Amino acid sequence: MPAFTFVDKPDTITSEFHACDYLGVDTEFVREKTFFAQLCLLQVATPDRIYCVDPLAGNSMQAFWEESFRKTWVVHSARQDIEVVFQGAGAMPGDLFDTQIAAGLLGMQPQIGYAGLVKALFDVDIPKTHTRADWSQRPLPDALLEYAVEDVEHLLPAWELLVERLEKAGRKGL
């Protein structure tokens, strides 16, 4: 498992994003017990580190949202992630790169899942064992944190490879 930091005070890590133009982002949420989905964990990958940000800790996320929204978000199948982020932050990132859409533009399996994309690009198997976990529980068990980290570990390398392939195919500007 790559190096990661569990963050319960999100505004303290905004300085880490200054040198980054792109952030790999995924969310974990629950929607079974609430009318609107509840954001329970936000995973953010930079080129150097992965952060598991706890929005349930009760600390301000204002500076975190403002700084992260200035970056391009690399997300896989972004619809639900963006929905739950908008509900929590009242805003969305200005720029977004969806690896699932990029894969489709390259003729890969339609609506390929993240594990399938990582397998196709890097020949790495990612177990999807905790998809329906209760992400609202605290403290989060190590197994859930490991799963959360794996969900963003390959996002930025996938983005780089997909952009390269889109350029070669003449489809980057689409």
N, C-alpha and C. Protein backbone atom coordinates (compact mmCIF):
# COMPACT_ATOMS: atom_id res chain seq x y z
N MET A 1 0.85 -1.17 0.00
CA MET A 1 0.00 0.00 0.00
C MET A 1 0.90 1.24 0.00
N PRO A 2 0.58 2.22 -0.84
CA PRO A 2 1.40 3.44 -0.88
C PRO A 2 1.23 4.27 0.39
N ALA A 3 2.14 5.22 0.56
CA ALA A 3 2.06 6.10 1.72
C ALA A 3 0.79 6.93 1.65
N PHE A 4 0.10 7.00 2.79
CA PHE A 4 -1.10 7.83 2.84
C PHE A 4 -1.20 8.47 4.22
N THR A 5 -1.97 9.51 4.27
CA THR A 5 -2.21 10.23 5.51
C THR A 5 -3.71 10.33 5.72
N PHE A 6 -4.17 9.96 6.92
CA PHE A 6 -5.57 10.15 7.29
C PHE A 6 -5.68 11.56 7.86
N VAL A 7 -6.59 12.36 7.30
CA VAL A 7 -6.68 13.77 7.64
C VAL A 7 -8.05 14.07 8.22
N ASP A 8 -8.07 14.50 9.49
CA ASP A 8 -9.35 14.89 10.08
C ASP A 8 -9.48 16.42 10.17
N LYS A 9 -8.43 17.14 9.80
CA LYS A 9 -8.47 18.61 9.73
C LYS A 9 -8.08 19.01 8.31
N PRO A 10 -9.02 18.93 7.36
CA PRO A 10 -8.71 19.10 5.94
C PRO A 10 -8.03 20.41 5.58
N ASP A 11 -8.35 21.49 6.27
CA ASP A 11 -7.76 22.78 5.91
C ASP A 11 -6.25 22.81 6.16
N THR A 12 -5.73 21.85 6.93
CA THR A 12 -4.29 21.85 7.22
C THR A 12 -3.45 21.32 6.07
N ILE A 13 -4.07 20.70 5.07
CA ILE A 13 -3.26 20.11 3.98
C ILE A 13 -3.32 20.90 2.69
N THR A 14 -3.98 22.05 2.70
CA THR A 14 -4.13 22.78 1.44
C THR A 14 -2.78 23.22 0.87
N SER A 15 -1.80 23.49 1.71
CA SER A 15 -0.48 23.89 1.19
C SER A 15 0.17 22.77 0.39
N GLU A 16 -0.23 21.53 0.65
CA GLU A 16 0.32 20.39 -0.09
C GLU A 16 -0.11 20.40 -1.56
N PHE A 17 -1.19 21.10 -1.86
CA PHE A 17 -1.74 21.10 -3.22
C PHE A 17 -1.17 22.20 -4.10
N HIS A 18 -0.46 23.15 -3.54
CA HIS A 18 0.01 24.30 -4.32
C HIS A 18 0.83 23.90 -5.54
N ALA A 19 1.68 22.92 -5.41
CA ALA A 19 2.55 22.52 -6.52
C ALA A 19 1.85 21.57 -7.50
N CYS A 20 0.65 21.16 -7.20
CA CYS A 20 -0.06 20.19 -8.03
C CYS A 20 -1.02 20.89 -8.98
N ASP A 21 -1.04 20.45 -10.23
CA ASP A 21 -2.05 20.92 -11.17
C ASP A 21 -3.23 19.96 -11.23
N TYR A 22 -2.97 18.69 -10.88
CA TYR A 22 -3.97 17.63 -10.99
C TYR A 22 -4.06 16.89 -9.67
N LEU A 23 -5.28 16.51 -9.30
CA LEU A 23 -5.52 15.69 -8.12
C LEU A 23 -6.36 14.49 -8.53
N GLY A 24 -5.96 13.31 -8.14
CA GLY A 24 -6.80 12.12 -8.31
C GLY A 24 -7.78 12.09 -7.15
N VAL A 25 -9.07 12.00 -7.45
CA VAL A 25 -10.09 12.13 -6.40
C VAL A 25 -11.11 11.00 -6.51
N ASP A 26 -11.48 10.48 -5.35
CA ASP A 26 -12.57 9.51 -5.24
C ASP A 26 -13.29 9.82 -3.94
N THR A 27 -14.52 9.38 -3.85
CA THR A 27 -15.29 9.58 -2.62
C THR A 27 -15.87 8.26 -2.15
N GLU A 28 -16.11 8.20 -0.87
CA GLU A 28 -16.88 7.12 -0.27
C GLU A 28 -18.03 7.78 0.45
N PHE A 29 -19.20 7.22 0.30
CA PHE A 29 -20.39 7.83 0.88
C PHE A 29 -21.40 6.75 1.20
N VAL A 30 -22.41 7.13 1.95
CA VAL A 30 -23.54 6.25 2.21
C VAL A 30 -24.79 6.97 1.75
N ARG A 31 -25.70 6.23 1.18
CA ARG A 31 -26.97 6.81 0.75
C ARG A 31 -28.13 5.91 1.13
N GLU A 32 -27.86 4.81 1.78
CA GLU A 32 -28.92 3.88 2.12
C GLU A 32 -29.81 4.38 3.25
N LYS A 33 -29.25 5.21 4.15
CA LYS A 33 -29.99 5.64 5.34
C LYS A 33 -30.43 7.10 5.29
N THR A 34 -30.12 7.79 4.21
CA THR A 34 -30.41 9.21 4.13
C THR A 34 -31.07 9.55 2.80
N PHE A 35 -31.78 10.68 2.77
CA PHE A 35 -32.41 11.11 1.52
C PHE A 35 -31.34 11.52 0.51
N PHE A 36 -30.36 12.32 0.97
CA PHE A 36 -29.23 12.68 0.14
C PHE A 36 -28.03 11.85 0.58
N ALA A 37 -27.15 11.55 -0.37
CA ALA A 37 -25.93 10.82 -0.03
C ALA A 37 -25.12 11.61 0.99
N GLN A 38 -24.48 10.91 1.90
CA GLN A 38 -23.64 11.54 2.92
C GLN A 38 -22.18 11.25 2.60
N LEU A 39 -21.41 12.29 2.32
CA LEU A 39 -19.99 12.15 2.06
C LEU A 39 -19.29 11.71 3.34
N CYS A 40 -18.60 10.57 3.28
CA CYS A 40 -17.96 10.02 4.47
C CYS A 40 -16.44 10.00 4.40
N LEU A 41 -15.89 9.99 3.19
CA LEU A 41 -14.45 9.98 3.03
C LEU A 41 -14.13 10.51 1.64
N LEU A 42 -13.08 11.29 1.56
CA LEU A 42 -12.63 11.83 0.29
C LEU A 42 -11.17 11.41 0.16
N GLN A 43 -10.86 10.67 -0.91
CA GLN A 43 -9.49 10.26 -1.15
C GLN A 43 -8.90 11.16 -2.22
N VAL A 44 -7.71 11.70 -1.93
CA VAL A 44 -7.06 12.63 -2.84
C VAL A 44 -5.63 12.15 -3.07
N ALA A 45 -5.31 11.91 -4.34
CA ALA A 45 -3.95 11.49 -4.70
C ALA A 45 -3.22 12.66 -5.33
N THR A 46 -2.02 12.94 -4.84
CA THR A 46 -1.10 13.86 -5.48
C THR A 46 0.02 12.99 -6.05
N PRO A 47 0.94 13.57 -6.79
CA PRO A 47 2.04 12.73 -7.29
C PRO A 47 2.87 12.09 -6.17
N ASP A 48 2.85 12.68 -4.97
CA ASP A 48 3.71 12.20 -3.89
C ASP A 48 3.01 11.47 -2.75
N ARG A 49 1.71 11.66 -2.62
CA ARG A 49 1.04 11.13 -1.43
C ARG A 49 -0.45 10.95 -1.69
N ILE A 50 -1.07 10.13 -0.87
CA ILE A 50 -2.51 9.95 -0.90
C ILE A 50 -3.05 10.40 0.46
N TYR A 51 -4.11 11.19 0.40
CA TYR A 51 -4.76 11.69 1.60
C TYR A 51 -6.16 11.10 1.69
N CYS A 52 -6.50 10.59 2.86
CA CYS A 52 -7.86 10.15 3.14
C CYS A 52 -8.45 11.20 4.08
N VAL A 53 -9.32 12.03 3.52
CA VAL A 53 -9.84 13.20 4.21
C VAL A 53 -11.19 12.85 4.84
N ASP A 54 -11.31 13.14 6.12
CA ASP A 54 -12.51 12.81 6.88
C ASP A 54 -13.44 14.03 6.99
N PRO A 55 -14.50 14.09 6.18
CA PRO A 55 -15.43 15.21 6.28
C PRO A 55 -16.38 15.09 7.47
N LEU A 56 -16.37 13.96 8.16
CA LEU A 56 -17.27 13.74 9.29
C LEU A 56 -16.66 14.17 10.62
N ALA A 57 -15.41 14.61 10.61
CA ALA A 57 -14.73 14.97 11.85
C ALA A 57 -15.25 16.28 12.45
N GLY A 58 -16.04 17.02 11.68
CA GLY A 58 -16.63 18.25 12.20
C GLY A 58 -15.74 19.46 12.05
N ASN A 59 -14.65 19.35 11.32
CA ASN A 59 -13.74 20.48 11.13
C ASN A 59 -14.02 21.15 9.79
N SER A 60 -13.65 22.40 9.68
CA SER A 60 -13.89 23.17 8.47
C SER A 60 -13.19 22.55 7.27
N MET A 61 -13.91 22.54 6.15
CA MET A 61 -13.33 22.07 4.90
C MET A 61 -13.28 23.20 3.87
N GLN A 62 -13.60 24.43 4.28
CA GLN A 62 -13.70 25.55 3.35
C GLN A 62 -12.42 25.77 2.56
N ALA A 63 -11.29 25.91 3.24
CA ALA A 63 -10.01 26.15 2.54
C ALA A 63 -9.63 24.94 1.69
N PHE A 64 -9.92 23.76 2.19
CA PHE A 64 -9.65 22.54 1.42
C PHE A 64 -10.42 22.56 0.10
N TRP A 65 -11.73 22.83 0.17
CA TRP A 65 -12.53 22.85 -1.05
C TRP A 65 -12.02 23.93 -2.00
N GLU A 66 -11.79 25.12 -1.48
CA GLU A 66 -11.35 26.22 -2.34
C GLU A 66 -10.06 25.88 -3.08
N GLU A 67 -9.08 25.34 -2.37
CA GLU A 67 -7.80 25.01 -3.01
C GLU A 67 -7.93 23.83 -3.96
N SER A 68 -8.65 22.80 -3.56
CA SER A 68 -8.76 21.62 -4.44
C SER A 68 -9.58 21.93 -5.69
N PHE A 69 -10.56 22.83 -5.60
CA PHE A 69 -11.36 23.18 -6.77
C PHE A 69 -10.58 23.99 -7.78
N ARG A 70 -9.43 24.53 -7.40
CA ARG A 70 -8.56 25.25 -8.34
C ARG A 70 -7.77 24.29 -9.23
N LYS A 71 -7.76 23.04 -8.87
CA LYS A 71 -6.99 22.02 -9.60
C LYS A 71 -7.91 21.26 -10.54
N THR A 72 -7.30 20.57 -11.50
CA THR A 72 -8.06 19.64 -12.33
C THR A 72 -8.22 18.35 -11.54
N TRP A 73 -9.44 17.89 -11.43
CA TRP A 73 -9.72 16.63 -10.75
C TRP A 73 -9.70 15.51 -11.77
N VAL A 74 -8.97 14.46 -11.45
CA VAL A 74 -8.99 13.23 -12.23
C VAL A 74 -9.83 12.24 -11.44
N VAL A 75 -10.94 11.83 -12.04
CA VAL A 75 -11.92 11.00 -11.35
C VAL A 75 -12.34 9.89 -12.30
N HIS A 76 -12.67 8.74 -11.76
CA HIS A 76 -13.21 7.65 -12.59
C HIS A 76 -14.71 7.58 -12.37
N SER A 77 -15.47 7.69 -13.46
CA SER A 77 -16.93 7.65 -13.40
C SER A 77 -17.43 8.69 -12.40
N ALA A 78 -17.28 9.94 -12.76
CA ALA A 78 -17.39 11.06 -11.83
C ALA A 78 -18.80 11.42 -11.37
N ARG A 79 -19.84 10.95 -12.00
CA ARG A 79 -21.19 11.45 -11.72
C ARG A 79 -21.55 11.42 -10.23
N GLN A 80 -21.44 10.28 -9.59
CA GLN A 80 -21.84 10.20 -8.18
C GLN A 80 -20.87 10.96 -7.27
N ASP A 81 -19.59 10.93 -7.60
CA ASP A 81 -18.61 11.66 -6.80
C ASP A 81 -18.91 13.15 -6.81
N ILE A 82 -19.16 13.68 -8.00
CA ILE A 82 -19.43 15.11 -8.13
C ILE A 82 -20.76 15.47 -7.44
N GLU A 83 -21.74 14.59 -7.55
CA GLU A 83 -23.03 14.82 -6.89
C GLU A 83 -22.84 14.96 -5.39
N VAL A 84 -22.13 14.04 -4.77
CA VAL A 84 -21.98 14.07 -3.32
C VAL A 84 -21.06 15.21 -2.89
N VAL A 85 -20.07 15.55 -3.68
CA VAL A 85 -19.21 16.70 -3.36
C VAL A 85 -20.02 17.99 -3.43
N PHE A 86 -20.84 18.13 -4.46
CA PHE A 86 -21.65 19.34 -4.59
C PHE A 86 -22.62 19.48 -3.41
N GLN A 87 -23.19 18.38 -2.98
CA GLN A 87 -24.10 18.43 -1.83
C GLN A 87 -23.37 18.88 -0.57
N GLY A 88 -22.12 18.46 -0.43
CA GLY A 88 -21.35 18.82 0.77
C GLY A 88 -20.68 20.16 0.70
N ALA A 89 -20.19 20.54 -0.49
CA ALA A 89 -19.41 21.77 -0.62
C ALA A 89 -20.18 22.92 -1.24
N GLY A 90 -21.27 22.62 -1.92
CA GLY A 90 -22.03 23.66 -2.60
C GLY A 90 -21.34 24.18 -3.85
N ALA A 91 -20.33 23.46 -4.32
CA ALA A 91 -19.58 23.86 -5.52
C ALA A 91 -18.97 22.60 -6.12
N MET A 92 -18.37 22.79 -7.29
CA MET A 92 -17.73 21.67 -7.98
C MET A 92 -16.38 22.13 -8.51
N PRO A 93 -15.50 21.19 -8.82
CA PRO A 93 -14.22 21.59 -9.41
C PRO A 93 -14.46 22.23 -10.77
N GLY A 94 -13.60 23.17 -11.12
CA GLY A 94 -13.74 23.85 -12.41
C GLY A 94 -13.35 22.97 -13.58
N ASP A 95 -12.35 22.13 -13.39
CA ASP A 95 -11.88 21.24 -14.45
C ASP A 95 -11.94 19.80 -13.96
N LEU A 96 -12.36 18.92 -14.85
CA LEU A 96 -12.54 17.52 -14.50
C LEU A 96 -12.10 16.65 -15.67
N PHE A 97 -11.35 15.60 -15.37
CA PHE A 97 -10.98 14.61 -16.37
C PHE A 97 -11.53 13.28 -15.86
N ASP A 98 -12.44 12.68 -16.63
CA ASP A 98 -13.06 11.41 -16.23
C ASP A 98 -12.36 10.28 -16.99
N THR A 99 -11.68 9.43 -16.25
CA THR A 99 -10.93 8.34 -16.89
C THR A 99 -11.85 7.33 -17.56
N GLN A 100 -13.07 7.17 -17.08
CA GLN A 100 -14.01 6.24 -17.72
C GLN A 100 -14.41 6.77 -19.10
N ILE A 101 -14.68 8.05 -19.19
CA ILE A 101 -15.04 8.64 -20.48
C ILE A 101 -13.85 8.59 -21.44
N ALA A 102 -12.66 8.90 -20.94
CA ALA A 102 -11.46 8.84 -21.78
C ALA A 102 -11.24 7.43 -22.31
N ALA A 103 -11.43 6.44 -21.46
CA ALA A 103 -11.27 5.05 -21.89
C ALA A 103 -12.27 4.72 -22.99
N GLY A 104 -13.50 5.19 -22.86
CA GLY A 104 -14.51 4.97 -23.89
C GLY A 104 -14.13 5.62 -25.21
N LEU A 105 -13.56 6.82 -25.15
CA LEU A 105 -13.12 7.50 -26.38
C LEU A 105 -11.99 6.75 -27.08
N LEU A 106 -11.30 5.91 -26.32
CA LEU A 106 -10.20 5.12 -26.89
C LEU A 106 -10.65 3.73 -27.32
N GLY A 107 -11.95 3.46 -27.22
CA GLY A 107 -12.47 2.18 -27.68
C GLY A 107 -12.38 1.06 -26.67
N MET A 108 -12.09 1.40 -25.42
CA MET A 108 -12.07 0.37 -24.38
C MET A 108 -13.50 0.00 -24.05
N GLN A 109 -13.67 -1.02 -23.23
CA GLN A 109 -14.99 -1.49 -22.84
C GLN A 109 -15.87 -0.32 -22.40
N PRO A 110 -17.08 -0.22 -22.93
CA PRO A 110 -17.97 0.89 -22.53
C PRO A 110 -18.24 0.85 -21.02
N GLN A 111 -18.18 2.00 -20.39
CA GLN A 111 -18.42 2.15 -18.96
C GLN A 111 -17.57 1.22 -18.11
N ILE A 112 -16.32 1.08 -18.50
CA ILE A 112 -15.39 0.21 -17.78
C ILE A 112 -15.26 0.68 -16.33
N GLY A 113 -15.25 -0.26 -15.43
CA GLY A 113 -15.06 0.05 -14.02
C GLY A 113 -13.61 0.38 -13.73
N TYR A 114 -13.36 0.97 -12.59
CA TYR A 114 -12.00 1.36 -12.22
C TYR A 114 -11.08 0.15 -12.14
N ALA A 115 -11.53 -0.93 -11.52
CA ALA A 115 -10.69 -2.13 -11.42
C ALA A 115 -10.37 -2.67 -12.82
N GLY A 116 -11.35 -2.66 -13.72
CA GLY A 116 -11.12 -3.12 -15.09
C GLY A 116 -10.14 -2.22 -15.83
N LEU A 117 -10.23 -0.91 -15.60
CA LEU A 117 -9.32 0.02 -16.25
C LEU A 117 -7.89 -0.20 -15.75
N VAL A 118 -7.73 -0.34 -14.45
CA VAL A 118 -6.39 -0.55 -13.88
C VAL A 118 -5.81 -1.87 -14.38
N LYS A 119 -6.65 -2.89 -14.48
CA LYS A 119 -6.20 -4.18 -15.02
C LYS A 119 -5.77 -4.03 -16.48
N ALA A 120 -6.57 -3.32 -17.28
CA ALA A 120 -6.26 -3.15 -18.70
C ALA A 120 -5.01 -2.31 -18.93
N LEU A 121 -4.82 -1.28 -18.12
CA LEU A 121 -3.68 -0.38 -18.33
C LEU A 121 -2.39 -0.86 -17.69
N PHE A 122 -2.48 -1.47 -16.50
CA PHE A 122 -1.29 -1.78 -15.71
C PHE A 122 -1.16 -3.25 -15.34
N ASP A 123 -2.13 -4.08 -15.72
CA ASP A 123 -2.16 -5.49 -15.36
C ASP A 123 -2.07 -5.68 -13.84
N VAL A 124 -2.80 -4.85 -13.12
CA VAL A 124 -2.86 -4.91 -11.66
C VAL A 124 -4.30 -5.21 -11.26
N ASP A 125 -4.45 -6.17 -10.36
CA ASP A 125 -5.78 -6.51 -9.85
C ASP A 125 -6.08 -5.70 -8.60
N ILE A 126 -7.24 -5.06 -8.61
CA ILE A 126 -7.71 -4.32 -7.44
C ILE A 126 -8.97 -5.01 -6.93
N PRO A 127 -8.93 -5.56 -5.73
CA PRO A 127 -10.14 -6.19 -5.19
C PRO A 127 -11.18 -5.12 -4.86
N LYS A 128 -12.40 -5.36 -5.21
CA LYS A 128 -13.50 -4.44 -4.92
C LYS A 128 -14.39 -5.04 -3.84
N THR A 129 -13.76 -5.34 -2.70
CA THR A 129 -14.45 -6.08 -1.64
C THR A 129 -15.27 -5.22 -0.70
N HIS A 130 -15.01 -3.91 -0.65
CA HIS A 130 -15.70 -3.08 0.34
C HIS A 130 -16.59 -2.01 -0.31
N THR A 131 -17.13 -2.32 -1.47
CA THR A 131 -17.95 -1.36 -2.19
C THR A 131 -19.17 -0.93 -1.38
N ARG A 132 -19.75 -1.82 -0.63
CA ARG A 132 -20.97 -1.53 0.11
C ARG A 132 -20.73 -1.42 1.62
N ALA A 133 -19.57 -0.97 2.01
CA ALA A 133 -19.23 -0.85 3.42
C ALA A 133 -19.95 0.35 4.05
N ASP A 134 -20.00 0.36 5.36
CA ASP A 134 -20.54 1.51 6.09
C ASP A 134 -19.40 2.49 6.32
N TRP A 135 -19.27 3.46 5.42
CA TRP A 135 -18.18 4.43 5.46
C TRP A 135 -18.39 5.49 6.54
N SER A 136 -19.54 5.48 7.18
CA SER A 136 -19.79 6.48 8.22
C SER A 136 -19.25 6.04 9.58
N GLN A 137 -18.85 4.78 9.72
CA GLN A 137 -18.34 4.32 11.01
C GLN A 137 -16.98 4.95 11.31
N ARG A 138 -16.73 5.24 12.56
CA ARG A 138 -15.46 5.76 13.00
C ARG A 138 -15.06 5.04 14.26
N PRO A 139 -13.83 4.66 14.43
CA PRO A 139 -12.75 4.82 13.45
C PRO A 139 -12.93 3.85 12.29
N LEU A 140 -12.41 4.25 11.14
CA LEU A 140 -12.47 3.36 9.97
C LEU A 140 -11.46 2.23 10.15
N PRO A 141 -11.89 1.00 9.93
CA PRO A 141 -10.95 -0.12 10.03
C PRO A 141 -9.84 -0.02 8.98
N ASP A 142 -8.69 -0.58 9.28
CA ASP A 142 -7.56 -0.56 8.35
C ASP A 142 -7.92 -1.12 6.99
N ALA A 143 -8.75 -2.17 6.96
CA ALA A 143 -9.13 -2.78 5.68
C ALA A 143 -9.88 -1.78 4.79
N LEU A 144 -10.73 -0.94 5.38
CA LEU A 144 -11.45 0.06 4.60
C LEU A 144 -10.50 1.16 4.12
N LEU A 145 -9.57 1.57 4.96
CA LEU A 145 -8.60 2.59 4.55
C LEU A 145 -7.72 2.08 3.41
N GLU A 146 -7.31 0.82 3.49
CA GLU A 146 -6.51 0.23 2.41
C GLU A 146 -7.31 0.21 1.11
N TYR A 147 -8.56 -0.16 1.19
CA TYR A 147 -9.44 -0.17 0.03
C TYR A 147 -9.57 1.24 -0.54
N ALA A 148 -9.76 2.23 0.33
CA ALA A 148 -9.91 3.62 -0.10
C ALA A 148 -8.66 4.12 -0.81
N VAL A 149 -7.51 3.78 -0.31
CA VAL A 149 -6.24 4.19 -0.92
C VAL A 149 -6.11 3.55 -2.31
N GLU A 150 -6.45 2.28 -2.42
CA GLU A 150 -6.36 1.60 -3.72
C GLU A 150 -7.26 2.25 -4.76
N ASP A 151 -8.34 2.88 -4.32
CA ASP A 151 -9.28 3.51 -5.25
C ASP A 151 -8.72 4.76 -5.93
N VAL A 152 -7.62 5.31 -5.43
CA VAL A 152 -7.01 6.47 -6.09
C VAL A 152 -5.55 6.24 -6.46
N GLU A 153 -4.99 5.14 -6.03
CA GLU A 153 -3.57 4.88 -6.24
C GLU A 153 -3.14 4.98 -7.70
N HIS A 154 -3.99 4.52 -8.61
CA HIS A 154 -3.62 4.47 -10.03
C HIS A 154 -4.28 5.57 -10.87
N LEU A 155 -5.02 6.48 -10.24
CA LEU A 155 -5.74 7.49 -11.01
C LEU A 155 -4.81 8.42 -11.80
N LEU A 156 -3.80 8.97 -11.17
CA LEU A 156 -2.92 9.89 -11.90
C LEU A 156 -2.08 9.17 -12.96
N PRO A 157 -1.51 7.99 -12.68
CA PRO A 157 -0.82 7.27 -13.76
C PRO A 157 -1.77 6.90 -14.91
N ALA A 158 -3.02 6.56 -14.60
CA ALA A 158 -4.00 6.25 -15.65
C ALA A 158 -4.29 7.49 -16.47
N TRP A 159 -4.45 8.62 -15.81
CA TRP A 159 -4.68 9.88 -16.51
C TRP A 159 -3.54 10.17 -17.49
N GLU A 160 -2.30 10.04 -17.03
CA GLU A 160 -1.15 10.30 -17.90
C GLU A 160 -1.17 9.40 -19.13
N LEU A 161 -1.42 8.13 -18.92
CA LEU A 161 -1.44 7.17 -20.03
C LEU A 161 -2.61 7.44 -20.98
N LEU A 162 -3.77 7.73 -20.43
CA LEU A 162 -4.94 7.99 -21.26
C LEU A 162 -4.78 9.28 -22.07
N VAL A 163 -4.22 10.32 -21.47
CA VAL A 163 -3.97 11.57 -22.21
C VAL A 163 -3.01 11.31 -23.36
N GLU A 164 -1.97 10.55 -23.10
CA GLU A 164 -1.00 10.21 -24.15
C GLU A 164 -1.69 9.47 -25.30
N ARG A 165 -2.52 8.50 -24.96
CA ARG A 165 -3.22 7.73 -25.99
C ARG A 165 -4.26 8.58 -26.73
N LEU A 166 -4.94 9.48 -26.01
CA LEU A 166 -5.90 10.37 -26.66
C LEU A 166 -5.19 11.31 -27.65
N GLU A 167 -4.03 11.80 -27.27
CA GLU A 167 -3.25 12.66 -28.17
C GLU A 167 -2.85 11.91 -29.43
N LYS A 168 -2.35 10.68 -29.26
CA LYS A 168 -1.95 9.86 -30.40
C LYS A 168 -3.14 9.56 -31.32
N ALA A 169 -4.31 9.42 -30.74
CA ALA A 169 -5.52 9.12 -31.52
C ALA A 169 -6.17 10.37 -32.08
N GLY A 170 -5.61 11.54 -31.75
CA GLY A 170 -6.20 12.79 -32.22
C GLY A 170 -7.51 13.13 -31.55
N ARG A 171 -7.72 12.66 -30.32
CA ARG A 171 -9.00 12.86 -29.63
C ARG A 171 -8.88 13.66 -28.34
N LYS A 172 -7.72 14.20 -28.05
CA LYS A 172 -7.55 14.92 -26.80
C LYS A 172 -8.41 16.17 -26.72
N GLY A 173 -8.64 16.84 -27.83
CA GLY A 173 -9.41 18.08 -27.82
C GLY A 173 -10.91 17.89 -27.79
N LEU A 174 -11.37 16.65 -27.77
CA LEU A 174 -12.82 16.40 -27.77
C LEU A 174 -13.44 16.80 -26.46
